[in-house]
Amino acid sequence: MVNKIPIIGGIIAAVTGVVFVIFFTPNGLTQEEYSLSVDPTKEKQSLFIMARVSLENTGTKPLTNVELNFGDGDKIYLGTLKPGQYEIISPPQGNSLQFVIVTSSEGVYVSKVYREPIAMPGMMGS
C-alpha cells in the first residue's frame, strides 16, 4: 500500500492539470478553425473623437474576403487575415460610429457597437 501512494498522487496531479487546461485557459485544448476578435472603441477628446477597430484572427485558419461595414454606407475591404494576424483600422471620416459588422467568406459574422473606455485620471481626454 505504501508504494501505491506516489502513483495515486501522480494520477491526481495529472487529472488536475488536464482539468485546469480545459476549464481555465481561454481556448482550452481546442481552438476554432474560423474565429475573429473585434473590438471597436471610440474616445471623446476635447476637440475630436478618436475611433479605431482592433481585429485579430483568433482561429487556426486564414479568413478570406474580410470586410468591415461601419454603417452609413461605409465599408472597407481587408482581404485575407492569417491566423494570429492583428490589425487596427480607422473608420472612415464622418462616420456616425454606431457599430461595425465584420464578415468573411468562411461565414464569420461579428457585429459590435463601439465601446468607450473608462477615462483614467491623467490620461488624454480625461
N, C-alpha and C. Protein backbone atom coordinates (compact mmCIF):
# COMPACT_ATOMS: atom_id res chain seq x y z
N MET A 1 0.83 -1.19 0.00
CA MET A 1 0.00 0.00 0.00
C MET A 1 0.87 1.26 0.00
N VAL A 2 2.00 1.23 0.68
CA VAL A 2 2.88 2.39 0.78
C VAL A 2 3.41 2.77 -0.59
N ASN A 3 3.71 1.83 -1.46
CA ASN A 3 4.25 2.10 -2.79
C ASN A 3 3.20 2.68 -3.74
N LYS A 4 1.93 2.51 -3.47
CA LYS A 4 0.87 2.97 -4.35
C LYS A 4 0.54 4.46 -4.15
N ILE A 5 0.89 5.03 -3.02
CA ILE A 5 0.56 6.43 -2.72
C ILE A 5 1.19 7.39 -3.73
N PRO A 6 2.49 7.28 -4.07
CA PRO A 6 3.05 8.19 -5.07
C PRO A 6 2.39 8.05 -6.44
N ILE A 7 2.01 6.84 -6.81
CA ILE A 7 1.35 6.63 -8.11
C ILE A 7 -0.02 7.30 -8.12
N ILE A 8 -0.79 7.11 -7.07
CA ILE A 8 -2.12 7.73 -6.98
C ILE A 8 -1.99 9.25 -6.96
N GLY A 9 -1.00 9.76 -6.22
CA GLY A 9 -0.76 11.21 -6.18
C GLY A 9 -0.40 11.75 -7.55
N GLY A 10 0.40 11.03 -8.32
CA GLY A 10 0.76 11.44 -9.68
C GLY A 10 -0.45 11.47 -10.61
N ILE A 11 -1.30 10.47 -10.48
CA ILE A 11 -2.52 10.43 -11.31
C ILE A 11 -3.44 11.60 -10.97
N ILE A 12 -3.60 11.88 -9.70
CA ILE A 12 -4.44 13.01 -9.28
C ILE A 12 -3.87 14.32 -9.81
N ALA A 13 -2.56 14.50 -9.75
CA ALA A 13 -1.92 15.72 -10.26
C ALA A 13 -2.12 15.85 -11.76
N ALA A 14 -2.01 14.76 -12.51
CA ALA A 14 -2.20 14.80 -13.96
C ALA A 14 -3.64 15.16 -14.31
N VAL A 15 -4.60 14.56 -13.63
CA VAL A 15 -6.01 14.85 -13.89
C VAL A 15 -6.31 16.31 -13.55
N THR A 16 -5.77 16.81 -12.46
CA THR A 16 -5.96 18.21 -12.07
C THR A 16 -5.40 19.14 -13.14
N GLY A 17 -4.23 18.81 -13.68
CA GLY A 17 -3.63 19.63 -14.74
C GLY A 17 -4.49 19.67 -15.98
N VAL A 18 -5.03 18.53 -16.40
CA VAL A 18 -5.89 18.49 -17.59
C VAL A 18 -7.17 19.30 -17.36
N VAL A 19 -7.78 19.14 -16.19
CA VAL A 19 -8.99 19.90 -15.87
C VAL A 19 -8.70 21.39 -15.89
N PHE A 20 -7.56 21.82 -15.35
CA PHE A 20 -7.18 23.22 -15.35
C PHE A 20 -7.07 23.75 -16.78
N VAL A 21 -6.40 23.03 -17.65
CA VAL A 21 -6.22 23.47 -19.04
C VAL A 21 -7.57 23.59 -19.74
N ILE A 22 -8.44 22.61 -19.54
CA ILE A 22 -9.73 22.62 -20.24
C ILE A 22 -10.63 23.76 -19.78
N PHE A 23 -10.69 24.00 -18.47
CA PHE A 23 -11.65 24.95 -17.94
C PHE A 23 -11.12 26.36 -17.69
N PHE A 24 -9.82 26.53 -17.56
CA PHE A 24 -9.30 27.82 -17.13
C PHE A 24 -8.38 28.51 -18.13
N THR A 25 -8.20 27.97 -19.31
CA THR A 25 -7.44 28.67 -20.34
C THR A 25 -8.44 29.19 -21.36
N PRO A 26 -8.12 30.31 -22.04
CA PRO A 26 -9.10 30.94 -22.93
C PRO A 26 -9.65 30.01 -24.01
N ASN A 27 -8.82 29.21 -24.62
CA ASN A 27 -9.29 28.35 -25.70
C ASN A 27 -9.33 26.88 -25.30
N GLY A 28 -8.98 26.56 -24.06
CA GLY A 28 -8.95 25.17 -23.64
C GLY A 28 -7.98 24.40 -24.51
N LEU A 29 -8.33 23.19 -24.83
CA LEU A 29 -7.48 22.36 -25.69
C LEU A 29 -7.82 22.51 -27.16
N THR A 30 -9.00 23.04 -27.44
CA THR A 30 -9.42 23.17 -28.83
C THR A 30 -9.49 24.64 -29.21
N GLN A 31 -9.28 24.89 -30.48
CA GLN A 31 -9.39 26.25 -31.00
C GLN A 31 -10.18 26.15 -32.29
N GLU A 32 -11.10 27.08 -32.49
CA GLU A 32 -11.92 27.05 -33.69
C GLU A 32 -11.09 27.33 -34.93
N GLU A 33 -11.50 26.74 -36.04
CA GLU A 33 -10.80 26.99 -37.30
C GLU A 33 -10.97 28.43 -37.74
N TYR A 34 -12.21 28.94 -37.64
CA TYR A 34 -12.51 30.30 -38.10
C TYR A 34 -13.10 31.10 -36.95
N SER A 35 -12.32 32.04 -36.46
CA SER A 35 -12.74 32.85 -35.32
C SER A 35 -12.09 34.23 -35.42
N LEU A 36 -12.81 35.25 -35.00
CA LEU A 36 -12.33 36.62 -35.13
C LEU A 36 -12.68 37.42 -33.88
N SER A 37 -11.70 38.12 -33.35
CA SER A 37 -11.92 39.04 -32.23
C SER A 37 -12.05 40.45 -32.79
N VAL A 38 -13.10 41.15 -32.41
CA VAL A 38 -13.37 42.51 -32.90
C VAL A 38 -13.61 43.41 -31.70
N ASP A 39 -12.89 44.54 -31.65
CA ASP A 39 -13.04 45.49 -30.54
C ASP A 39 -13.08 46.92 -31.07
N PRO A 40 -14.29 47.45 -31.34
CA PRO A 40 -14.40 48.85 -31.77
C PRO A 40 -14.44 49.79 -30.56
N THR A 41 -13.57 50.79 -30.57
CA THR A 41 -13.55 51.75 -29.47
C THR A 41 -13.61 53.18 -30.00
N LYS A 42 -14.18 54.07 -29.20
CA LYS A 42 -14.16 55.49 -29.52
C LYS A 42 -13.92 56.25 -28.23
N GLU A 43 -13.01 57.22 -28.33
CA GLU A 43 -12.63 58.03 -27.17
C GLU A 43 -12.88 59.48 -27.49
N LYS A 44 -13.71 60.13 -26.69
CA LYS A 44 -14.01 61.54 -26.89
C LYS A 44 -12.88 62.38 -26.31
N GLN A 45 -12.23 63.14 -27.16
CA GLN A 45 -11.20 64.08 -26.73
C GLN A 45 -11.87 65.45 -26.64
N SER A 46 -11.15 66.46 -26.23
CA SER A 46 -11.76 67.78 -26.09
C SER A 46 -12.20 68.36 -27.43
N LEU A 47 -11.47 68.12 -28.51
CA LEU A 47 -11.80 68.70 -29.81
C LEU A 47 -12.22 67.69 -30.86
N PHE A 48 -12.06 66.41 -30.60
CA PHE A 48 -12.38 65.40 -31.62
C PHE A 48 -12.66 64.05 -30.95
N ILE A 49 -13.08 63.10 -31.77
CA ILE A 49 -13.31 61.74 -31.30
C ILE A 49 -12.30 60.84 -31.99
N MET A 50 -11.55 60.06 -31.22
CA MET A 50 -10.60 59.12 -31.78
C MET A 50 -11.24 57.73 -31.78
N ALA A 51 -11.37 57.12 -32.95
CA ALA A 51 -12.02 55.81 -33.05
C ALA A 51 -11.11 54.84 -33.80
N ARG A 52 -11.23 53.57 -33.43
CA ARG A 52 -10.47 52.52 -34.11
C ARG A 52 -11.18 51.19 -33.89
N VAL A 53 -10.89 50.25 -34.79
CA VAL A 53 -11.41 48.90 -34.67
C VAL A 53 -10.22 47.95 -34.67
N SER A 54 -10.07 47.21 -33.59
CA SER A 54 -9.00 46.22 -33.50
C SER A 54 -9.55 44.87 -33.92
N LEU A 55 -8.83 44.20 -34.80
CA LEU A 55 -9.23 42.88 -35.31
C LEU A 55 -8.10 41.90 -35.08
N GLU A 56 -8.44 40.68 -34.72
CA GLU A 56 -7.44 39.62 -34.65
C GLU A 56 -8.07 38.30 -35.08
N ASN A 57 -7.40 37.62 -36.01
CA ASN A 57 -7.84 36.29 -36.41
C ASN A 57 -7.41 35.34 -35.30
N THR A 58 -8.37 34.89 -34.50
CA THR A 58 -8.09 34.02 -33.38
C THR A 58 -8.31 32.55 -33.73
N GLY A 59 -8.57 32.27 -34.99
CA GLY A 59 -8.76 30.90 -35.44
C GLY A 59 -7.45 30.28 -35.90
N THR A 60 -7.55 29.04 -36.36
CA THR A 60 -6.37 28.30 -36.82
C THR A 60 -6.19 28.37 -38.33
N LYS A 61 -7.15 28.92 -39.04
CA LYS A 61 -7.07 29.01 -40.50
C LYS A 61 -7.25 30.46 -40.95
N PRO A 62 -6.75 30.80 -42.15
CA PRO A 62 -6.92 32.18 -42.66
C PRO A 62 -8.39 32.52 -42.89
N LEU A 63 -8.71 33.80 -42.72
CA LEU A 63 -10.03 34.32 -43.06
C LEU A 63 -9.88 35.10 -44.36
N THR A 64 -10.72 34.80 -45.33
CA THR A 64 -10.61 35.45 -46.64
C THR A 64 -11.77 36.40 -46.88
N ASN A 65 -11.55 37.36 -47.75
CA ASN A 65 -12.56 38.36 -48.11
C ASN A 65 -13.15 39.05 -46.87
N VAL A 66 -12.27 39.44 -45.96
CA VAL A 66 -12.71 40.10 -44.73
C VAL A 66 -13.17 41.52 -45.08
N GLU A 67 -14.37 41.86 -44.63
CA GLU A 67 -14.95 43.18 -44.93
C GLU A 67 -15.50 43.79 -43.65
N LEU A 68 -15.23 45.07 -43.46
CA LEU A 68 -15.78 45.82 -42.33
C LEU A 68 -16.87 46.75 -42.86
N ASN A 69 -18.04 46.69 -42.25
CA ASN A 69 -19.15 47.56 -42.59
C ASN A 69 -19.38 48.47 -41.39
N PHE A 70 -19.13 49.77 -41.57
CA PHE A 70 -19.24 50.74 -40.48
C PHE A 70 -20.61 51.41 -40.42
N GLY A 71 -21.53 51.00 -41.27
CA GLY A 71 -22.82 51.68 -41.35
C GLY A 71 -22.66 52.95 -42.17
N ASP A 72 -23.72 53.65 -42.40
CA ASP A 72 -23.71 54.90 -43.18
C ASP A 72 -23.18 54.68 -44.59
N GLY A 73 -23.20 53.43 -45.07
CA GLY A 73 -22.69 53.12 -46.41
C GLY A 73 -21.17 53.00 -46.48
N ASP A 74 -20.48 53.06 -45.34
CA ASP A 74 -19.02 52.98 -45.30
C ASP A 74 -18.55 51.55 -45.11
N LYS A 75 -17.75 51.06 -46.06
CA LYS A 75 -17.19 49.72 -45.98
C LYS A 75 -15.71 49.76 -46.32
N ILE A 76 -14.96 48.84 -45.69
CA ILE A 76 -13.55 48.68 -46.01
C ILE A 76 -13.31 47.19 -46.24
N TYR A 77 -12.63 46.87 -47.33
CA TYR A 77 -12.28 45.50 -47.67
C TYR A 77 -10.84 45.24 -47.26
N LEU A 78 -10.63 44.24 -46.39
CA LEU A 78 -9.28 43.94 -45.92
C LEU A 78 -8.60 42.81 -46.69
N GLY A 79 -9.35 41.92 -47.26
CA GLY A 79 -8.75 40.77 -47.93
C GLY A 79 -8.59 39.62 -46.96
N THR A 80 -7.37 39.08 -46.85
CA THR A 80 -7.11 37.89 -46.03
C THR A 80 -6.41 38.24 -44.72
N LEU A 81 -6.88 37.62 -43.63
CA LEU A 81 -6.23 37.72 -42.32
C LEU A 81 -5.69 36.34 -41.97
N LYS A 82 -4.38 36.24 -41.78
CA LYS A 82 -3.75 34.98 -41.41
C LYS A 82 -4.02 34.70 -39.93
N PRO A 83 -3.93 33.43 -39.50
CA PRO A 83 -4.11 33.12 -38.08
C PRO A 83 -3.14 33.93 -37.22
N GLY A 84 -3.67 34.57 -36.18
CA GLY A 84 -2.86 35.38 -35.28
C GLY A 84 -2.63 36.80 -35.77
N GLN A 85 -3.01 37.11 -37.00
CA GLN A 85 -2.78 38.46 -37.54
C GLN A 85 -3.67 39.45 -36.82
N TYR A 86 -3.07 40.60 -36.46
CA TYR A 86 -3.75 41.65 -35.70
C TYR A 86 -3.70 42.93 -36.52
N GLU A 87 -4.82 43.60 -36.67
CA GLU A 87 -4.91 44.84 -37.43
C GLU A 87 -5.69 45.87 -36.64
N ILE A 88 -5.31 47.14 -36.80
CA ILE A 88 -6.08 48.26 -36.25
C ILE A 88 -6.52 49.11 -37.42
N ILE A 89 -7.83 49.30 -37.55
CA ILE A 89 -8.42 50.01 -38.67
C ILE A 89 -9.13 51.26 -38.16
N SER A 90 -8.91 52.37 -38.83
CA SER A 90 -9.64 53.61 -38.50
C SER A 90 -10.89 53.69 -39.34
N PRO A 91 -12.02 54.02 -38.74
CA PRO A 91 -13.25 54.18 -39.51
C PRO A 91 -13.12 55.36 -40.47
N PRO A 92 -13.90 55.36 -41.55
CA PRO A 92 -13.88 56.49 -42.49
C PRO A 92 -14.28 57.80 -41.80
N GLN A 93 -13.70 58.89 -42.26
CA GLN A 93 -14.00 60.22 -41.74
C GLN A 93 -15.49 60.51 -41.88
N GLY A 94 -16.11 61.08 -40.86
CA GLY A 94 -17.52 61.46 -40.91
C GLY A 94 -18.48 60.34 -40.58
N ASN A 95 -18.00 59.16 -40.25
CA ASN A 95 -18.87 58.05 -39.90
C ASN A 95 -19.54 58.33 -38.56
N SER A 96 -20.77 57.85 -38.36
CA SER A 96 -21.51 58.11 -37.12
C SER A 96 -21.02 57.27 -35.93
N LEU A 97 -20.14 56.30 -36.18
CA LEU A 97 -19.51 55.49 -35.13
C LEU A 97 -20.53 54.82 -34.21
N GLN A 98 -21.52 54.19 -34.81
CA GLN A 98 -22.53 53.49 -34.04
C GLN A 98 -22.18 52.02 -33.85
N PHE A 99 -21.74 51.35 -34.93
CA PHE A 99 -21.47 49.92 -34.89
C PHE A 99 -20.51 49.56 -36.00
N VAL A 100 -20.01 48.32 -35.95
CA VAL A 100 -19.22 47.76 -37.04
C VAL A 100 -19.62 46.29 -37.19
N ILE A 101 -19.75 45.85 -38.45
CA ILE A 101 -20.04 44.45 -38.75
C ILE A 101 -18.87 43.94 -39.58
N VAL A 102 -18.27 42.83 -39.14
CA VAL A 102 -17.14 42.24 -39.85
C VAL A 102 -17.57 40.86 -40.35
N THR A 103 -17.34 40.61 -41.63
CA THR A 103 -17.71 39.33 -42.23
C THR A 103 -16.53 38.75 -43.00
N SER A 104 -16.61 37.45 -43.27
CA SER A 104 -15.61 36.78 -44.11
C SER A 104 -16.31 35.71 -44.95
N SER A 105 -15.59 35.22 -45.96
CA SER A 105 -16.15 34.18 -46.84
C SER A 105 -16.42 32.87 -46.09
N GLU A 106 -15.75 32.66 -44.96
CA GLU A 106 -15.91 31.42 -44.21
C GLU A 106 -17.14 31.43 -43.31
N GLY A 107 -17.94 32.47 -43.39
CA GLY A 107 -19.16 32.54 -42.59
C GLY A 107 -19.01 33.27 -41.27
N VAL A 108 -17.86 33.87 -41.03
CA VAL A 108 -17.68 34.64 -39.80
C VAL A 108 -18.51 35.91 -39.90
N TYR A 109 -19.26 36.21 -38.87
CA TYR A 109 -20.11 37.41 -38.80
C TYR A 109 -20.03 37.93 -37.38
N VAL A 110 -19.42 39.09 -37.21
CA VAL A 110 -19.31 39.70 -35.89
C VAL A 110 -19.88 41.11 -35.97
N SER A 111 -20.85 41.40 -35.11
CA SER A 111 -21.46 42.74 -35.06
C SER A 111 -21.23 43.30 -33.66
N LYS A 112 -20.62 44.49 -33.59
CA LYS A 112 -20.33 45.10 -32.29
C LYS A 112 -20.62 46.59 -32.33
N VAL A 113 -21.08 47.12 -31.20
CA VAL A 113 -21.22 48.56 -31.05
C VAL A 113 -19.90 49.09 -30.49
N TYR A 114 -19.64 50.36 -30.72
CA TYR A 114 -18.42 50.98 -30.21
C TYR A 114 -18.52 51.10 -28.69
N ARG A 115 -17.44 50.81 -28.03
CA ARG A 115 -17.39 50.99 -26.59
C ARG A 115 -16.49 52.18 -26.29
N GLU A 116 -16.75 52.83 -25.16
CA GLU A 116 -15.94 53.96 -24.73
C GLU A 116 -15.16 53.55 -23.50
N PRO A 117 -13.83 53.45 -23.61
CA PRO A 117 -13.03 53.07 -22.44
C PRO A 117 -13.23 54.07 -21.31
N ILE A 118 -13.09 53.61 -20.09
CA ILE A 118 -13.21 54.47 -18.92
C ILE A 118 -12.05 55.44 -18.87
N ALA A 119 -12.34 56.72 -18.69
CA ALA A 119 -11.30 57.74 -18.61
C ALA A 119 -10.52 57.60 -17.32
N MET A 120 -9.22 57.54 -17.44
CA MET A 120 -8.35 57.42 -16.27
C MET A 120 -7.74 58.81 -15.98
N PRO A 121 -7.66 59.18 -14.71
CA PRO A 121 -7.06 60.49 -14.37
C PRO A 121 -5.64 60.60 -14.94
N GLY A 122 -5.37 61.74 -15.54
CA GLY A 122 -4.04 62.00 -16.11
C GLY A 122 -3.91 61.55 -17.55
N MET A 123 -4.89 60.83 -18.08
CA MET A 123 -4.83 60.36 -19.47
C MET A 123 -5.45 61.41 -20.38
N MET A 124 -5.10 61.36 -21.67
CA MET A 124 -5.65 62.29 -22.65
C MET A 124 -7.17 62.23 -22.64
N GLY A 125 -7.82 63.33 -22.66
CA GLY A 125 -9.28 63.38 -22.75
C GLY A 125 -9.99 63.23 -21.43
N SER A 126 -9.28 62.98 -20.34
CA SER A 126 -9.97 62.78 -19.06
C SER A 126 -10.06 64.09 -18.29
